[in-house]
């Protein structure tokens, strides 16, 4: 479900400093919105202030939302806190491994490129679909 960004009401937030939005803006530009912002049925923002700010920079008019119905002020505050506290970043080792795997996929060695070319040739000769 989508909503006009201009219709989402952003009231008093816990987070005062959104930090550097550049990485999030780049992520939205390159991969789109992976997680919708969370709002009430009255369009009041519960979670996703940085995503909305980044989407505005990109000139987006609409954003994906998840609408929560019948939510108390207490629950709204709990959810805002939960979204910003209950998460775990990659460890340095996990991040290093992820970057190495990404680099290997983006820049395969010569043998991998030759193998991929042979597979594409065989598939095209026999009318097989690539997976």
N, C-alpha and C. Protein backbone atom coordinates (compact mmCIF):
# COMPACT_ATOMS: atom_id res chain seq x y z
N UNK A 1 0.85 -1.17 0.00
CA UNK A 1 0.00 0.00 0.00
C UNK A 1 0.90 1.23 0.00
N UNK A 2 0.48 2.25 -0.71
CA UNK A 2 1.27 3.48 -0.77
C UNK A 2 0.46 4.67 -0.29
N UNK A 3 1.20 5.68 0.15
CA UNK A 3 0.59 6.95 0.56
C UNK A 3 1.42 8.08 -0.05
N UNK A 4 0.76 9.20 -0.27
CA UNK A 4 1.48 10.41 -0.64
C UNK A 4 2.36 10.81 0.54
N UNK A 5 3.62 11.06 0.27
CA UNK A 5 4.53 11.44 1.35
C UNK A 5 4.05 12.72 2.03
N UNK A 6 3.54 13.65 1.25
CA UNK A 6 3.11 14.94 1.84
C UNK A 6 1.93 14.77 2.80
N UNK A 7 1.21 13.66 2.71
CA UNK A 7 0.07 13.44 3.59
C UNK A 7 0.45 12.77 4.92
N UNK A 8 1.69 12.32 5.03
CA UNK A 8 2.13 11.65 6.26
C UNK A 8 2.52 12.71 7.28
N UNK A 9 1.89 12.63 8.45
CA UNK A 9 2.11 13.62 9.51
C UNK A 9 3.26 13.15 10.39
N UNK A 10 4.28 14.01 10.48
CA UNK A 10 5.44 13.69 11.32
C UNK A 10 5.37 14.58 12.55
N UNK A 11 5.04 13.95 13.65
CA UNK A 11 4.93 14.69 14.92
C UNK A 11 6.24 14.59 15.67
N UNK A 12 6.24 14.94 16.94
CA UNK A 12 7.44 14.92 17.77
C UNK A 12 8.08 13.53 17.73
N UNK A 13 9.37 13.49 17.42
CA UNK A 13 10.12 12.24 17.30
C UNK A 13 11.13 12.14 18.43
N UNK A 14 11.51 10.93 18.75
CA UNK A 14 12.57 10.72 19.75
C UNK A 14 13.91 11.14 19.15
N UNK A 15 14.18 10.65 17.94
CA UNK A 15 15.46 10.96 17.29
C UNK A 15 15.45 12.43 16.88
N UNK A 16 16.46 13.16 17.35
CA UNK A 16 16.59 14.58 17.02
C UNK A 16 17.48 14.80 15.80
N UNK A 17 18.49 13.93 15.64
CA UNK A 17 19.46 14.07 14.55
C UNK A 17 19.34 12.87 13.63
N UNK A 18 18.88 13.07 12.40
CA UNK A 18 18.74 11.93 11.49
C UNK A 18 20.08 11.39 10.99
N UNK A 19 21.15 12.11 11.24
CA UNK A 19 22.47 11.67 10.80
C UNK A 19 22.64 11.87 9.31
N UNK A 20 23.69 11.29 8.78
CA UNK A 20 24.00 11.40 7.35
C UNK A 20 23.05 10.50 6.58
N UNK A 21 22.21 11.10 5.77
CA UNK A 21 21.23 10.34 4.99
C UNK A 21 21.80 9.83 3.66
N UNK A 22 23.01 10.23 3.31
CA UNK A 22 23.58 9.86 2.01
C UNK A 22 23.55 8.36 1.74
N UNK A 23 23.99 7.50 2.68
CA UNK A 23 23.94 6.06 2.40
C UNK A 23 22.51 5.55 2.18
N UNK A 24 21.57 6.07 2.94
CA UNK A 24 20.18 5.64 2.78
C UNK A 24 19.60 6.15 1.46
N UNK A 25 19.92 7.37 1.09
CA UNK A 25 19.48 7.91 -0.19
C UNK A 25 20.03 7.06 -1.33
N UNK A 26 21.31 6.72 -1.25
CA UNK A 26 21.92 5.87 -2.28
C UNK A 26 21.25 4.50 -2.34
N UNK A 27 20.94 3.95 -1.18
CA UNK A 27 20.27 2.64 -1.12
C UNK A 27 18.89 2.70 -1.75
N UNK A 28 18.13 3.73 -1.43
CA UNK A 28 16.79 3.88 -2.02
C UNK A 28 16.88 4.07 -3.53
N UNK A 29 17.86 4.84 -3.96
CA UNK A 29 18.03 5.09 -5.39
C UNK A 29 18.39 3.79 -6.12
N UNK A 30 19.27 3.00 -5.54
CA UNK A 30 19.78 1.80 -6.20
C UNK A 30 18.90 0.56 -6.03
N UNK A 31 18.23 0.45 -4.87
CA UNK A 31 17.51 -0.79 -4.56
C UNK A 31 16.04 -0.58 -4.24
N UNK A 32 15.62 0.66 -4.13
CA UNK A 32 14.24 0.92 -3.75
C UNK A 32 14.05 0.77 -2.25
N UNK A 33 12.82 0.91 -1.83
CA UNK A 33 12.48 0.82 -0.41
C UNK A 33 12.30 -0.65 -0.03
N UNK A 34 13.11 -1.14 0.87
CA UNK A 34 13.04 -2.55 1.26
C UNK A 34 12.04 -2.80 2.38
N UNK A 35 11.84 -1.80 3.21
CA UNK A 35 10.90 -1.93 4.32
C UNK A 35 9.98 -0.71 4.33
N UNK A 36 8.67 -0.94 4.35
CA UNK A 36 7.75 0.19 4.33
C UNK A 36 7.83 0.99 5.63
N UNK A 37 7.45 2.26 5.54
CA UNK A 37 7.32 3.05 6.76
C UNK A 37 6.03 2.61 7.45
N UNK A 38 5.94 2.87 8.73
CA UNK A 38 4.77 2.46 9.51
C UNK A 38 4.02 3.70 9.94
N UNK A 39 2.71 3.70 9.67
CA UNK A 39 1.86 4.84 10.01
C UNK A 39 0.58 4.36 10.67
N UNK A 40 -0.13 5.30 11.27
CA UNK A 40 -1.45 5.00 11.82
C UNK A 40 -2.49 5.16 10.71
N UNK A 41 -3.71 4.76 11.00
CA UNK A 41 -4.78 4.93 9.99
C UNK A 41 -5.04 6.41 9.69
N UNK A 42 -4.59 7.30 10.58
CA UNK A 42 -4.72 8.75 10.38
C UNK A 42 -3.47 9.36 9.74
N UNK A 43 -2.61 8.50 9.17
CA UNK A 43 -1.39 8.94 8.48
C UNK A 43 -0.33 9.53 9.39
N UNK A 44 -0.35 9.21 10.67
CA UNK A 44 0.69 9.69 11.57
C UNK A 44 1.85 8.71 11.54
N UNK A 45 3.05 9.23 11.34
CA UNK A 45 4.23 8.39 11.26
C UNK A 45 4.55 7.73 12.60
N UNK A 46 4.80 6.43 12.55
CA UNK A 46 5.26 5.69 13.73
C UNK A 46 6.74 5.36 13.56
N UNK A 47 7.11 4.84 12.38
CA UNK A 47 8.49 4.43 12.13
C UNK A 47 8.84 4.69 10.68
N UNK A 48 10.05 5.24 10.45
CA UNK A 48 10.51 5.46 9.10
C UNK A 48 10.82 6.91 8.74
N UNK A 49 11.11 7.71 9.74
CA UNK A 49 11.37 9.13 9.50
C UNK A 49 12.55 9.34 8.55
N UNK A 50 13.64 8.61 8.75
CA UNK A 50 14.82 8.74 7.88
C UNK A 50 14.51 8.29 6.45
N UNK A 51 13.69 7.24 6.32
CA UNK A 51 13.31 6.77 4.98
C UNK A 51 12.49 7.83 4.26
N UNK A 52 11.58 8.47 4.98
CA UNK A 52 10.77 9.53 4.37
C UNK A 52 11.64 10.72 3.98
N UNK A 53 12.54 11.13 4.87
CA UNK A 53 13.42 12.26 4.56
C UNK A 53 14.27 11.96 3.32
N UNK A 54 14.76 10.73 3.21
CA UNK A 54 15.58 10.33 2.06
C UNK A 54 14.74 10.28 0.79
N UNK A 55 13.54 9.77 0.89
CA UNK A 55 12.64 9.70 -0.27
C UNK A 55 12.31 11.11 -0.78
N UNK A 56 12.15 12.05 0.14
CA UNK A 56 11.89 13.44 -0.26
C UNK A 56 13.06 14.02 -1.05
N UNK A 57 14.28 13.72 -0.59
CA UNK A 57 15.46 14.20 -1.31
C UNK A 57 15.47 13.66 -2.74
N UNK A 58 15.02 12.42 -2.90
CA UNK A 58 14.98 11.79 -4.23
C UNK A 58 13.80 12.26 -5.07
N UNK A 59 12.92 13.07 -4.47
CA UNK A 59 11.78 13.60 -5.20
C UNK A 59 10.60 12.64 -5.32
N UNK A 60 10.60 11.61 -4.47
CA UNK A 60 9.48 10.67 -4.51
C UNK A 60 8.21 11.36 -4.04
N UNK A 61 7.11 11.05 -4.68
CA UNK A 61 5.80 11.57 -4.27
C UNK A 61 5.10 10.58 -3.34
N UNK A 62 5.31 9.28 -3.58
CA UNK A 62 4.64 8.22 -2.83
C UNK A 62 5.68 7.35 -2.12
N UNK A 63 5.23 6.67 -1.06
CA UNK A 63 6.10 5.73 -0.36
C UNK A 63 5.24 4.57 0.14
N UNK A 64 5.84 3.38 0.16
CA UNK A 64 5.13 2.21 0.67
C UNK A 64 4.94 2.35 2.18
N UNK A 65 3.76 1.97 2.64
CA UNK A 65 3.45 2.08 4.07
C UNK A 65 2.80 0.80 4.58
N UNK A 66 2.95 0.59 5.87
CA UNK A 66 2.18 -0.40 6.59
C UNK A 66 1.33 0.40 7.57
N UNK A 67 0.03 0.20 7.52
CA UNK A 67 -0.90 0.97 8.35
C UNK A 67 -1.31 0.13 9.55
N UNK A 68 -1.13 0.70 10.75
CA UNK A 68 -1.58 0.05 11.97
C UNK A 68 -2.84 0.73 12.45
N UNK A 69 -3.84 -0.07 12.71
CA UNK A 69 -5.14 0.42 13.14
C UNK A 69 -5.26 0.23 14.66
N UNK A 70 -5.99 1.09 15.30
CA UNK A 70 -6.26 0.97 16.74
C UNK A 70 -4.96 0.81 17.53
N UNK A 71 -4.16 1.84 17.52
CA UNK A 71 -2.89 1.82 18.24
C UNK A 71 -2.86 2.98 19.22
N UNK A 72 -2.46 2.70 20.43
CA UNK A 72 -2.44 3.72 21.49
C UNK A 72 -1.16 4.55 21.40
N UNK A 73 -1.16 5.66 22.12
CA UNK A 73 0.04 6.50 22.19
C UNK A 73 1.21 5.70 22.77
N UNK A 74 0.93 4.88 23.76
CA UNK A 74 1.96 4.04 24.38
C UNK A 74 2.55 3.09 23.34
N UNK A 75 1.70 2.43 22.57
CA UNK A 75 2.18 1.48 21.56
C UNK A 75 2.97 2.19 20.46
N UNK A 76 2.55 3.38 20.07
CA UNK A 76 3.28 4.13 19.05
C UNK A 76 4.71 4.43 19.53
N UNK A 77 4.82 4.87 20.77
CA UNK A 77 6.13 5.18 21.32
C UNK A 77 6.99 3.92 21.45
N UNK A 78 6.37 2.83 21.90
CA UNK A 78 7.11 1.56 22.02
C UNK A 78 7.64 1.11 20.66
N UNK A 79 6.83 1.24 19.63
CA UNK A 79 7.27 0.82 18.29
C UNK A 79 8.38 1.71 17.74
N UNK A 80 8.29 3.01 17.99
CA UNK A 80 9.36 3.90 17.54
C UNK A 80 10.67 3.53 18.23
N UNK A 81 10.60 3.24 19.51
CA UNK A 81 11.81 2.84 20.24
C UNK A 81 12.33 1.51 19.72
N UNK A 82 11.43 0.53 19.59
CA UNK A 82 11.82 -0.81 19.15
C UNK A 82 12.54 -0.77 17.81
N UNK A 83 12.01 -0.02 16.86
CA UNK A 83 12.62 -0.01 15.53
C UNK A 83 14.04 0.52 15.57
N UNK A 84 14.34 1.40 16.47
CA UNK A 84 15.65 2.02 16.52
C UNK A 84 16.61 1.37 17.50
N UNK A 85 16.12 0.45 18.31
CA UNK A 85 16.99 -0.18 19.32
C UNK A 85 17.18 -1.66 19.04
N UNK A 86 16.13 -2.35 18.67
CA UNK A 86 16.18 -3.80 18.52
C UNK A 86 16.62 -4.16 17.11
N UNK A 87 17.89 -4.11 16.90
CA UNK A 87 18.48 -4.52 15.63
C UNK A 87 19.94 -4.82 15.89
N UNK A 88 20.55 -5.49 14.96
CA UNK A 88 21.96 -5.83 15.12
C UNK A 88 22.67 -5.59 13.81
N UNK A 89 23.69 -4.75 13.84
CA UNK A 89 24.51 -4.51 12.67
C UNK A 89 25.42 -5.71 12.44
N UNK A 90 25.94 -5.83 11.21
CA UNK A 90 26.93 -6.86 10.94
C UNK A 90 28.17 -6.62 11.78
N UNK A 91 28.82 -7.71 12.20
CA UNK A 91 30.13 -7.56 12.85
C UNK A 91 31.13 -7.18 11.76
N UNK A 92 32.33 -6.77 12.16
CA UNK A 92 33.35 -6.41 11.17
C UNK A 92 33.68 -7.60 10.29
N UNK A 93 33.79 -8.80 10.88
CA UNK A 93 34.09 -10.01 10.11
C UNK A 93 32.96 -10.34 9.13
N UNK A 94 31.71 -10.22 9.58
CA UNK A 94 30.58 -10.49 8.70
C UNK A 94 30.54 -9.52 7.52
N UNK A 95 30.81 -8.26 7.81
CA UNK A 95 30.80 -7.25 6.76
C UNK A 95 31.94 -7.48 5.77
N UNK A 96 33.10 -7.84 6.27
CA UNK A 96 34.25 -8.13 5.39
C UNK A 96 33.93 -9.32 4.49
N UNK A 97 33.33 -10.38 5.05
CA UNK A 97 32.96 -11.56 4.27
C UNK A 97 31.91 -11.19 3.21
N UNK A 98 30.92 -10.39 3.58
CA UNK A 98 29.88 -9.99 2.64
C UNK A 98 30.48 -9.19 1.49
N UNK A 99 31.38 -8.29 1.79
CA UNK A 99 32.01 -7.49 0.73
C UNK A 99 32.87 -8.34 -0.19
N UNK A 100 33.56 -9.33 0.38
CA UNK A 100 34.38 -10.23 -0.45
C UNK A 100 33.49 -11.06 -1.38
N UNK A 101 32.37 -11.56 -0.87
CA UNK A 101 31.44 -12.33 -1.69
C UNK A 101 30.84 -11.47 -2.80
N UNK A 102 30.48 -10.23 -2.46
CA UNK A 102 29.93 -9.30 -3.44
C UNK A 102 30.96 -9.01 -4.53
N UNK A 103 32.20 -8.77 -4.13
CA UNK A 103 33.26 -8.49 -5.09
C UNK A 103 33.48 -9.68 -6.02
N UNK A 104 33.45 -10.90 -5.48
CA UNK A 104 33.63 -12.10 -6.30
C UNK A 104 32.51 -12.25 -7.33
N UNK A 105 31.28 -11.90 -6.93
CA UNK A 105 30.16 -11.98 -7.87
C UNK A 105 30.23 -10.88 -8.94
N UNK A 106 30.68 -9.71 -8.53
CA UNK A 106 30.78 -8.60 -9.49
C UNK A 106 31.97 -8.76 -10.43
N UNK A 107 33.03 -9.39 -9.94
CA UNK A 107 34.28 -9.51 -10.70
C UNK A 107 34.76 -10.96 -10.72
N UNK A 108 34.06 -11.83 -11.45
CA UNK A 108 34.47 -13.24 -11.46
C UNK A 108 35.82 -13.41 -12.13
N UNK A 109 36.54 -14.41 -11.68
CA UNK A 109 37.84 -14.72 -12.28
C UNK A 109 37.67 -15.22 -13.70
N UNK A 110 38.78 -15.34 -14.41
CA UNK A 110 38.76 -15.72 -15.82
C UNK A 110 38.13 -17.10 -16.02
N UNK A 111 38.43 -18.06 -15.16
CA UNK A 111 37.85 -19.40 -15.30
C UNK A 111 36.33 -19.37 -15.15
N UNK A 112 35.85 -18.61 -14.20
CA UNK A 112 34.40 -18.49 -13.98
C UNK A 112 33.75 -17.83 -15.19
N UNK A 113 34.39 -16.82 -15.76
CA UNK A 113 33.82 -16.15 -16.94
C UNK A 113 33.77 -17.10 -18.14
N UNK A 114 34.81 -17.91 -18.31
CA UNK A 114 34.83 -18.88 -19.41
C UNK A 114 33.74 -19.92 -19.20
N UNK A 115 33.62 -20.44 -17.98
CA UNK A 115 32.58 -21.42 -17.68
C UNK A 115 31.20 -20.83 -17.94
N UNK A 116 30.95 -19.62 -17.50
CA UNK A 116 29.65 -18.97 -17.73
C UNK A 116 29.37 -18.80 -19.22
N UNK A 117 30.39 -18.47 -20.00
CA UNK A 117 30.21 -18.32 -21.44
C UNK A 117 29.86 -19.66 -22.09
N UNK A 118 30.52 -20.72 -21.66
CA UNK A 118 30.22 -22.06 -22.18
C UNK A 118 28.78 -22.46 -21.84
N UNK A 119 28.38 -22.20 -20.62
CA UNK A 119 27.01 -22.53 -20.19
C UNK A 119 25.99 -21.74 -21.01
N UNK A 120 26.26 -20.46 -21.25
CA UNK A 120 25.35 -19.65 -22.06
C UNK A 120 25.27 -20.19 -23.49
N UNK A 121 26.41 -20.60 -24.04
CA UNK A 121 26.44 -21.15 -25.40
C UNK A 121 25.62 -22.44 -25.48
N UNK A 122 25.83 -23.34 -24.55
CA UNK A 122 25.08 -24.61 -24.52
C UNK A 122 23.59 -24.34 -24.38
N UNK A 123 23.24 -23.45 -23.47
CA UNK A 123 21.83 -23.11 -23.27
C UNK A 123 21.20 -22.53 -24.53
N UNK A 124 21.94 -21.67 -25.22
CA UNK A 124 21.37 -21.08 -26.43
C UNK A 124 21.25 -22.12 -27.55
N UNK A 125 22.20 -23.05 -27.64
CA UNK A 125 22.14 -24.10 -28.66
C UNK A 125 20.96 -25.04 -28.46
N UNK A 126 20.65 -25.32 -27.20
CA UNK A 126 19.58 -26.26 -26.89
C UNK A 126 18.30 -25.58 -26.44
N UNK A 127 18.26 -24.26 -26.53
CA UNK A 127 17.05 -23.54 -26.18
C UNK A 127 16.68 -23.62 -24.71
N UNK A 128 17.67 -23.76 -23.86
CA UNK A 128 17.42 -23.86 -22.41
C UNK A 128 17.42 -22.47 -21.81
N UNK A 129 16.64 -22.32 -20.75
CA UNK A 129 16.60 -21.03 -20.05
C UNK A 129 17.72 -20.98 -19.02
N UNK A 130 18.28 -19.79 -18.84
CA UNK A 130 19.28 -19.60 -17.80
C UNK A 130 18.61 -19.45 -16.46
N UNK A 131 19.28 -19.95 -15.45
CA UNK A 131 18.74 -19.84 -14.08
C UNK A 131 19.60 -18.94 -13.26
